[in-house]
Amino acid sequence: MPNRAALPWRPYPPLTDAERIARARAFSTSMQSRRSCRAFSEEPVPREVIEAALAAAGSAPNGANRQPWHFCVVSSPEAKCAIRIAAEEEERAFYDGRAGSEWLEALVPLGTGSDKPYLETAAWLIVVFAQRRGGPDPDNLKQNYYVTESVGLACGLLIATLHQAGVATLVHTPNPMRFLNRVCRRPDNEKPLMIIVAGHPGADAVIPAHAVEKKSLEQIASWL
């Protein structure tokens, strides 16, 4: 095999097992307090916070290091309004029957509906695109690999970083959402996967009791 440039592994800072356990438990406890927010205020969030969260997302493991993601960060009132109008149109069709009775029944405890005012009031909308093909030359794009998995990992790091910074988030997935390519001026080879709404919770923000019900460790994990 040909020689490839390599860098030495940078070891983590020395820790005792007790310190590792404490760190893992502290982070777990913090993340367990994360909840989806559906009522945002207009209070601003510094751009530097979003930039740091995006940098964390960009460090995610991904297929062949192709980094098959693009994050369109929206703050202009005009763009947010356009996204809300198009999203609510799809949401009305969804709640009017497109989703099917079983799906709609599953949403009842969360109290969601077709109105999405937070798409305009939240400080930031981060529209996440998955790049099926990519590369520096737009006329010679190459195949990307494990695209959905890679982008999902990046979004997890993005949301975790925002939570650690005290920023409320919500993942919104209108379906279909191709209108986001038009609003965000992104090419057809990119598939919009989600909108991550980020900002400060509004005074009327509440958490559905159903959302606090989480499966136990025994239900989500097995040990071999």
C-alpha atoms as a PDB file:
ATOM      1  CA  MET A   1       0.000   0.000   0.000  1.00  0.00           C
ATOM      2  CA  PRO A   2       1.254   3.532  -0.715  1.00  0.00           C
ATOM      3  CA  ASN A   3       2.502   5.600   2.190  1.00  0.00           C
ATOM      4  CA  ARG A   4      -0.029   8.111   3.456  1.00  0.00           C
ATOM      5  CA  ALA A   5       0.600  11.159   5.582  1.00  0.00           C
ATOM      6  CA  ALA A   6      -0.282  10.535   9.201  1.00  0.00           C
ATOM      7  CA  LEU A   7      -0.255  12.494  12.414  1.00  0.00           C
ATOM      8  CA  PRO A   8       0.375  11.112  15.899  1.00  0.00           C
ATOM      9  CA  TRP A   9      -2.644  10.399  18.073  1.00  0.00           C
ATOM     10  CA  ARG A  10      -3.065  13.104  20.669  1.00  0.00           C
ATOM     11  CA  PRO A  11      -3.848  11.366  23.956  1.00  0.00           C
ATOM     12  CA  TYR A  12      -6.617  12.684  26.166  1.00  0.00           C
ATOM     13  CA  PRO A  13      -5.537  14.402  29.388  1.00  0.00           C
ATOM     14  CA  PRO A  14      -4.652  11.859  32.086  1.00  0.00           C
ATOM     15  CA  LEU A  15      -7.727  10.952  34.121  1.00  0.00           C
ATOM     16  CA  THR A  16      -8.490   8.364  36.745  1.00  0.00           C
ATOM     17  CA  ASP A  17     -11.384   5.998  36.157  1.00  0.00           C
ATOM     18  CA  ALA A  18     -13.298   7.872  38.847  1.00  0.00           C
ATOM     19  CA  GLU A  19     -12.779  11.149  36.985  1.00  0.00           C
ATOM     20  CA  ARG A  20     -13.924   9.605  33.712  1.00  0.00           C
ATOM     21  CA  ILE A  21     -17.069   8.244  35.354  1.00  0.00           C
ATOM     22  CA  ALA A  22     -17.765  11.634  36.946  1.00  0.00           C
ATOM     23  CA  ARG A  23     -17.335  13.461  33.639  1.00  0.00           C
ATOM     24  CA  ALA A  24     -19.551  11.025  31.762  1.00  0.00           C
ATOM     25  CA  ARG A  25     -22.260  11.214  34.403  1.00  0.00           C
ATOM     26  CA  ALA A  26     -22.114  15.023  34.550  1.00  0.00           C
ATOM     27  CA  PHE A  27     -22.525  15.313  30.790  1.00  0.00           C
ATOM     28  CA  SER A  28     -25.306  12.721  30.804  1.00  0.00           C
ATOM     29  CA  THR A  29     -27.158  14.603  33.535  1.00  0.00           C
ATOM     30  CA  SER A  30     -26.821  17.858  31.615  1.00  0.00           C
ATOM     31  CA  MET A  31     -28.100  16.339  28.375  1.00  0.00           C
ATOM     32  CA  GLN A  32     -31.027  14.676  30.133  1.00  0.00           C
ATOM     33  CA  SER A  33     -32.291  18.172  30.953  1.00  0.00           C
ATOM     34  CA  ARG A  34     -32.496  19.042  27.254  1.00  0.00           C
ATOM     35  CA  ARG A  35     -36.058  19.452  25.999  1.00  0.00           C
ATOM     36  CA  SER A  36     -37.515  20.526  22.683  1.00  0.00           C
ATOM     37  CA  CYS A  37     -38.805  24.095  22.835  1.00  0.00           C
ATOM     38  CA  ARG A  38     -41.842  25.158  20.811  1.00  0.00           C
ATOM     39  CA  ALA A  39     -42.230  28.739  22.051  1.00  0.00           C
ATOM     40  CA  PHE A  40     -39.298  31.082  21.519  1.00  0.00           C
ATOM     41  CA  SER A  41     -38.660  34.707  22.385  1.00  0.00           C
ATOM     42  CA  GLU A  42     -37.089  37.251  20.053  1.00  0.00           C
ATOM     43  CA  GLU A  43     -34.105  37.669  22.396  1.00  0.00           C
ATOM     44  CA  PRO A  44     -30.901  37.460  20.334  1.00  0.00           C
ATOM     45  CA  VAL A  45     -28.263  34.771  20.631  1.00  0.00           C
ATOM     46  CA  PRO A  46     -24.684  35.782  19.755  1.00  0.00           C
ATOM     47  CA  ARG A  47     -23.502  34.595  16.371  1.00  0.00           C
ATOM     48  CA  GLU A  48     -20.335  33.337  18.074  1.00  0.00           C
ATOM     49  CA  VAL A  49     -22.410  30.709  19.891  1.00  0.00           C
ATOM     50  CA  ILE A  50     -23.793  29.392  16.609  1.00  0.00           C
ATOM     51  CA  GLU A  51     -20.343  29.424  15.026  1.00  0.00           C
ATOM     52  CA  ALA A  52     -18.914  27.358  17.896  1.00  0.00           C
ATOM     53  CA  ALA A  53     -21.776  24.864  17.621  1.00  0.00           C
ATOM     54  CA  LEU A  54     -21.231  24.550  13.873  1.00  0.00           C
ATOM     55  CA  ALA A  55     -17.514  23.965  14.430  1.00  0.00           C
ATOM     56  CA  ALA A  56     -18.411  21.143  16.823  1.00  0.00           C
ATOM     57  CA  ALA A  57     -20.791  19.703  14.230  1.00  0.00           C
ATOM     58  CA  GLY A  58     -18.045  19.840  11.635  1.00  0.00           C
ATOM     59  CA  SER A  59     -15.873  17.593  13.813  1.00  0.00           C
ATOM     60  CA  ALA A  60     -18.347  14.696  13.645  1.00  0.00           C
ATOM     61  CA  PRO A  61     -17.239  11.304  12.339  1.00  0.00           C
ATOM     62  CA  ASN A  62     -18.336  10.817   8.739  1.00  0.00           C
ATOM     63  CA  GLY A  63     -17.984   8.491   5.787  1.00  0.00           C
ATOM     64  CA  ALA A  64     -14.538   8.666   4.134  1.00  0.00           C
ATOM     65  CA  ASN A  65     -14.070  12.113   5.697  1.00  0.00           C
ATOM     66  CA  ARG A  66     -16.247  13.540   2.931  1.00  0.00           C
ATOM     67  CA  GLN A  67     -18.047  15.779   5.458  1.00  0.00           C
ATOM     68  CA  PRO A  68     -21.306  15.615   3.462  1.00  0.00           C
ATOM     69  CA  TRP A  69     -23.152  18.457   5.159  1.00  0.00           C
ATOM     70  CA  HIS A  70     -24.028  22.084   4.720  1.00  0.00           C
ATOM     71  CA  PHE A  71     -25.616  24.287   7.372  1.00  0.00           C
ATOM     72  CA  CYS A  72     -27.532  27.318   6.132  1.00  0.00           C
ATOM     73  CA  VAL A  73     -27.920  29.704   9.065  1.00  0.00           C
ATOM     74  CA  VAL A  74     -30.976  31.941   8.730  1.00  0.00           C
ATOM     75  CA  SER A  75     -31.594  35.103  10.707  1.00  0.00           C
ATOM     76  CA  SER A  76     -33.142  37.540   8.243  1.00  0.00           C
ATOM     77  CA  PRO A  77     -36.852  38.202   8.903  1.00  0.00           C
ATOM     78  CA  GLU A  78     -37.656  37.838   5.206  1.00  0.00           C
ATOM     79  CA  ALA A  79     -36.098  34.396   4.903  1.00  0.00           C
ATOM     80  CA  LYS A  80     -37.622  33.189   8.175  1.00  0.00           C
ATOM     81  CA  CYS A  81     -41.034  34.384   7.031  1.00  0.00           C
ATOM     82  CA  ALA A  82     -40.667  32.558   3.702  1.00  0.00           C
ATOM     83  CA  ILE A  83     -39.694  29.359   5.512  1.00  0.00           C
ATOM     84  CA  ARG A  84     -42.635  29.636   7.898  1.00  0.00           C
ATOM     85  CA  ILE A  85     -45.159  30.195   5.112  1.00  0.00           C
ATOM     86  CA  ALA A  86     -43.929  27.205   3.096  1.00  0.00           C
ATOM     87  CA  ALA A  87     -43.536  24.961   6.153  1.00  0.00           C
ATOM     88  CA  GLU A  88     -47.029  25.689   7.453  1.00  0.00           C
ATOM     89  CA  GLU A  89     -48.505  24.880   4.054  1.00  0.00           C
ATOM     90  CA  GLU A  90     -46.941  21.417   4.229  1.00  0.00           C
ATOM     91  CA  GLU A  91     -47.905  21.046   7.885  1.00  0.00           C
ATOM     92  CA  ARG A  92     -51.577  21.744   7.162  1.00  0.00           C
ATOM     93  CA  ALA A  93     -51.592  18.940   4.603  1.00  0.00           C
ATOM     94  CA  PHE A  94     -49.801  16.706   7.104  1.00  0.00           C
ATOM     95  CA  TYR A  95     -52.299  17.275   9.901  1.00  0.00           C
ATOM     96  CA  ASP A  96     -55.255  17.131   7.502  1.00  0.00           C
ATOM     97  CA  GLY A  97     -54.527  13.486   6.813  1.00  0.00           C
ATOM     98  CA  ARG A  98     -51.293  13.051   4.879  1.00  0.00           C
ATOM     99  CA  ALA A  99     -49.622  11.654   7.987  1.00  0.00           C
ATOM    100  CA  GLY A 100     -52.124   8.878   8.573  1.00  0.00           C
ATOM    101  CA  SER A 101     -54.148   8.197  11.702  1.00  0.00           C
ATOM    102  CA  GLU A 102     -51.469   6.240  13.593  1.00  0.00           C
ATOM    103  CA  TRP A 103     -48.864   8.976  13.215  1.00  0.00           C
ATOM    104  CA  LEU A 104     -51.303  11.703  14.188  1.00  0.00           C
ATOM    105  CA  GLU A 105     -52.401   9.690  17.205  1.00  0.00           C
ATOM    106  CA  ALA A 106     -48.773   9.440  18.343  1.00  0.00           C
ATOM    107  CA  LEU A 107     -48.492  13.243  18.235  1.00  0.00           C
ATOM    108  CA  VAL A 108     -51.581  13.940  20.344  1.00  0.00           C
ATOM    109  CA  PRO A 109     -49.741  13.847  23.734  1.00  0.00           C
ATOM    110  CA  LEU A 110     -47.273  16.451  22.428  1.00  0.00           C
ATOM    111  CA  GLY A 111     -50.004  18.898  21.435  1.00  0.00           C
ATOM    112  CA  THR A 112     -48.387  19.860  18.134  1.00  0.00           C
ATOM    113  CA  GLY A 113     -50.214  21.439  15.213  1.00  0.00           C
ATOM    114  CA  SER A 114     -49.701  23.143  11.879  1.00  0.00           C
ATOM    115  CA  ASP A 115     -48.954  26.613  13.273  1.00  0.00           C
ATOM    116  CA  LYS A 116     -45.202  27.199  13.608  1.00  0.00           C
ATOM    117  CA  PRO A 117     -44.696  30.783  14.855  1.00  0.00           C
ATOM    118  CA  TYR A 118     -41.293  29.905  16.282  1.00  0.00           C
ATOM    119  CA  LEU A 119     -39.940  29.741  12.734  1.00  0.00           C
ATOM    120  CA  GLU A 120     -40.128  33.541  12.765  1.00  0.00           C
ATOM    121  CA  THR A 121     -39.580  34.422  16.423  1.00  0.00           C
ATOM    122  CA  ALA A 122     -36.529  32.289  17.253  1.00  0.00           C
ATOM    123  CA  ALA A 123     -33.164  33.981  16.872  1.00  0.00           C
ATOM    124  CA  TRP A 124     -31.771  31.446  14.423  1.00  0.00           C
ATOM    125  CA  LEU A 125     -32.911  28.746  12.030  1.00  0.00           C
ATOM    126  CA  ILE A 126     -30.180  26.297  11.045  1.00  0.00           C
ATOM    127  CA  VAL A 127     -31.261  24.476   7.894  1.00  0.00           C
ATOM    128  CA  VAL A 128     -29.322  21.229   7.544  1.00  0.00           C
ATOM    129  CA  PHE A 129     -28.561  19.853   4.088  1.00  0.00           C
ATOM    130  CA  ALA A 130     -27.118  16.437   3.240  1.00  0.00           C
ATOM    131  CA  GLN A 131     -24.819  16.445   0.238  1.00  0.00           C
ATOM    132  CA  ARG A 132     -25.232  13.276  -1.803  1.00  0.00           C
ATOM    133  CA  ARG A 133     -22.352  14.431  -4.002  1.00  0.00           C
ATOM    134  CA  GLY A 134     -19.686  16.983  -3.167  1.00  0.00           C
ATOM    135  CA  GLY A 135     -16.207  18.329  -3.668  1.00  0.00           C
ATOM    136  CA  PRO A 136     -14.385  21.564  -4.451  1.00  0.00           C
ATOM    137  CA  ASP A 137     -15.254  21.472  -8.169  1.00  0.00           C
ATOM    138  CA  PRO A 138     -19.001  22.076  -8.692  1.00  0.00           C
ATOM    139  CA  ASP A 139     -18.688  20.686 -12.230  1.00  0.00           C
ATOM    140  CA  ASN A 140     -17.134  17.423 -11.049  1.00  0.00           C
ATOM    141  CA  LEU A 141     -18.887  16.390  -7.862  1.00  0.00           C
ATOM    142  CA  LYS A 142     -17.935  13.043  -6.338  1.00  0.00           C
ATOM    143  CA  GLN A 143     -20.097  10.485  -4.559  1.00  0.00           C
ATOM    144  CA  ASN A 144     -20.393  10.875  -0.783  1.00  0.00           C
ATOM    145  CA  TYR A 145     -20.835   7.914   1.552  1.00  0.00           C
ATOM    146  CA  TYR A 146     -22.946   7.187   4.631  1.00  0.00           C
ATOM    147  CA  VAL A 147     -24.509  10.588   4.102  1.00  0.00           C
ATOM    148  CA  THR A 148     -27.558  10.351   6.361  1.00  0.00           C
ATOM    149  CA  GLU A 149     -25.594   8.712   9.168  1.00  0.00           C
ATOM    150  CA  SER A 150     -22.826  11.321   8.949  1.00  0.00           C
ATOM    151  CA  VAL A 151     -25.178  14.288   8.955  1.00  0.00           C
ATOM    152  CA  GLY A 152     -27.154  12.801  11.838  1.00  0.00           C
ATOM    153  CA  LEU A 153     -23.998  12.548  13.937  1.00  0.00           C
ATOM    154  CA  ALA A 154     -23.108  16.162  13.109  1.00  0.00           C
ATOM    155  CA  CYS A 155     -26.554  17.383  14.125  1.00  0.00           C
ATOM    156  CA  GLY A 156     -26.283  15.564  17.439  1.00  0.00           C
ATOM    157  CA  LEU A 157     -23.061  17.399  18.247  1.00  0.00           C
ATOM    158  CA  LEU A 158     -24.602  20.678  17.106  1.00  0.00           C
ATOM    159  CA  ILE A 159     -27.619  20.305  19.394  1.00  0.00           C
ATOM    160  CA  ALA A 160     -25.479  19.141  22.327  1.00  0.00           C
ATOM    161  CA  THR A 161     -23.199  22.177  21.979  1.00  0.00           C
ATOM    162  CA  LEU A 162     -26.134  24.579  21.851  1.00  0.00           C
ATOM    163  CA  HIS A 163     -27.613  22.941  24.945  1.00  0.00           C
ATOM    164  CA  GLN A 164     -24.330  23.312  26.819  1.00  0.00           C
ATOM    165  CA  ALA A 165     -24.385  27.011  25.858  1.00  0.00           C
ATOM    166  CA  GLY A 166     -27.866  27.436  27.348  1.00  0.00           C
ATOM    167  CA  VAL A 167     -29.616  27.779  23.988  1.00  0.00           C
ATOM    168  CA  ALA A 168     -33.000  26.118  23.493  1.00  0.00           C
ATOM    169  CA  THR A 169     -33.522  24.031  20.366  1.00  0.00           C
ATOM    170  CA  LEU A 170     -36.180  22.276  18.361  1.00  0.00           C
ATOM    171  CA  VAL A 171     -35.788  19.916  15.418  1.00  0.00           C
ATOM    172  CA  HIS A 172     -38.444  20.669  12.810  1.00  0.00           C
ATOM    173  CA  THR A 173     -38.921  18.404   9.793  1.00  0.00           C
ATOM    174  CA  PRO A 174     -41.624  19.608   7.400  1.00  0.00           C
ATOM    175  CA  ASN A 175     -42.403  17.008   4.763  1.00  0.00           C
ATOM    176  CA  PRO A 176     -41.743  17.467   1.911  1.00  0.00           C
ATOM    177  CA  MET A 177     -39.155  20.189   2.418  1.00  0.00           C
ATOM    178  CA  ARG A 178     -37.627  20.820  -0.990  1.00  0.00           C
ATOM    179  CA  PHE A 179     -38.775  24.435  -0.653  1.00  0.00           C
ATOM    180  CA  LEU A 180     -35.741  24.892   1.606  1.00  0.00           C
ATOM    181  CA  ASN A 181     -33.419  24.519  -1.388  1.00  0.00           C
ATOM    182  CA  ARG A 182     -35.163  27.462  -3.000  1.00  0.00           C
ATOM    183  CA  VAL A 183     -35.274  29.684   0.077  1.00  0.00           C
ATOM    184  CA  CYS A 184     -31.690  28.888   1.082  1.00  0.00           C
ATOM    185  CA  ARG A 185     -30.400  28.953  -2.505  1.00  0.00           C
ATOM    186  CA  ARG A 186     -28.849  25.497  -2.268  1.00  0.00           C
ATOM    187  CA  PRO A 187     -28.221  23.167  -5.254  1.00  0.00           C
ATOM    188  CA  ASP A 188     -30.321  20.152  -6.155  1.00  0.00           C
ATOM    189  CA  ASN A 189     -27.623  17.671  -5.111  1.00  0.00           C
ATOM    190  CA  GLU A 190     -28.257  18.701  -1.492  1.00  0.00           C
ATOM    191  CA  LYS A 191     -31.187  17.198   0.364  1.00  0.00           C
ATOM    192  CA  PRO A 192     -32.702  19.199   3.234  1.00  0.00           C
ATOM    193  CA  LEU A 193     -32.968  16.987   6.314  1.00  0.00           C
ATOM    194  CA  MET A 194     -34.150  19.252   9.110  1.00  0.00           C
ATOM    195  CA  ILE A 195     -34.432  22.726  10.523  1.00  0.00           C
ATOM    196  CA  ILE A 196     -32.791  23.201  13.909  1.00  0.00           C
ATOM    197  CA  VAL A 197     -34.538  26.106  15.599  1.00  0.00           C
ATOM    198  CA  ALA A 198     -32.262  27.832  18.116  1.00  0.00           C
ATOM    199  CA  GLY A 199     -32.905  30.660  20.548  1.00  0.00           C
ATOM    200  CA  HIS A 200     -34.170  31.546  23.983  1.00  0.00           C
ATOM    201  CA  PRO A 201     -37.450  30.088  25.280  1.00  0.00           C
ATOM    202  CA  GLY A 202     -40.448  32.379  25.385  1.00  0.00           C
ATOM    203  CA  ALA A 203     -42.293  33.263  28.559  1.00  0.00           C
ATOM    204  CA  ASP A 204     -45.104  30.912  27.490  1.00  0.00           C
ATOM    205  CA  ALA A 205     -42.839  27.925  26.790  1.00  0.00           C
ATOM    206  CA  VAL A 206     -44.013  24.653  28.315  1.00  0.00           C
ATOM    207  CA  ILE A 207     -42.920  21.033  28.166  1.00  0.00           C
ATOM    208  CA  PRO A 208     -45.524  18.353  27.425  1.00  0.00           C
ATOM    209  CA  ALA A 209     -45.546  15.902  30.308  1.00  0.00           C
ATOM    210  CA  HIS A 210     -45.348  13.090  27.762  1.00  0.00           C
ATOM    211  CA  ALA A 211     -41.952  14.406  26.553  1.00  0.00           C
ATOM    212  CA  VAL A 212     -40.383  13.753  29.956  1.00  0.00           C
ATOM    213  CA  GLU A 213     -41.191  10.056  29.784  1.00  0.00           C
ATOM    214  CA  LYS A 214     -37.973   8.381  28.648  1.00  0.00           C
ATOM    215  CA  LYS A 215     -37.159   4.708  28.281  1.00  0.00           C
ATOM    216  CA  SER A 216     -34.933   3.235  30.967  1.00  0.00           C
ATOM    217  CA  LEU A 217     -31.336   2.186  30.333  1.00  0.00           C
ATOM    218  CA  GLU A 218     -32.471  -1.435  30.451  1.00  0.00           C
ATOM    219  CA  GLN A 219     -34.957  -0.743  27.645  1.00  0.00           C
ATOM    220  CA  ILE A 220     -32.521   0.987  25.305  1.00  0.00           C
ATOM    221  CA  ALA A 221     -29.358  -1.072  25.840  1.00  0.00           C
ATOM    222  CA  SER A 222     -28.212  -4.668  26.042  1.00  0.00           C
ATOM    223  CA  TRP A 223     -24.854  -6.039  27.122  1.00  0.00           C
ATOM    224  CA  LEU A 224     -23.173  -9.059  25.545  1.00  0.00           C
END
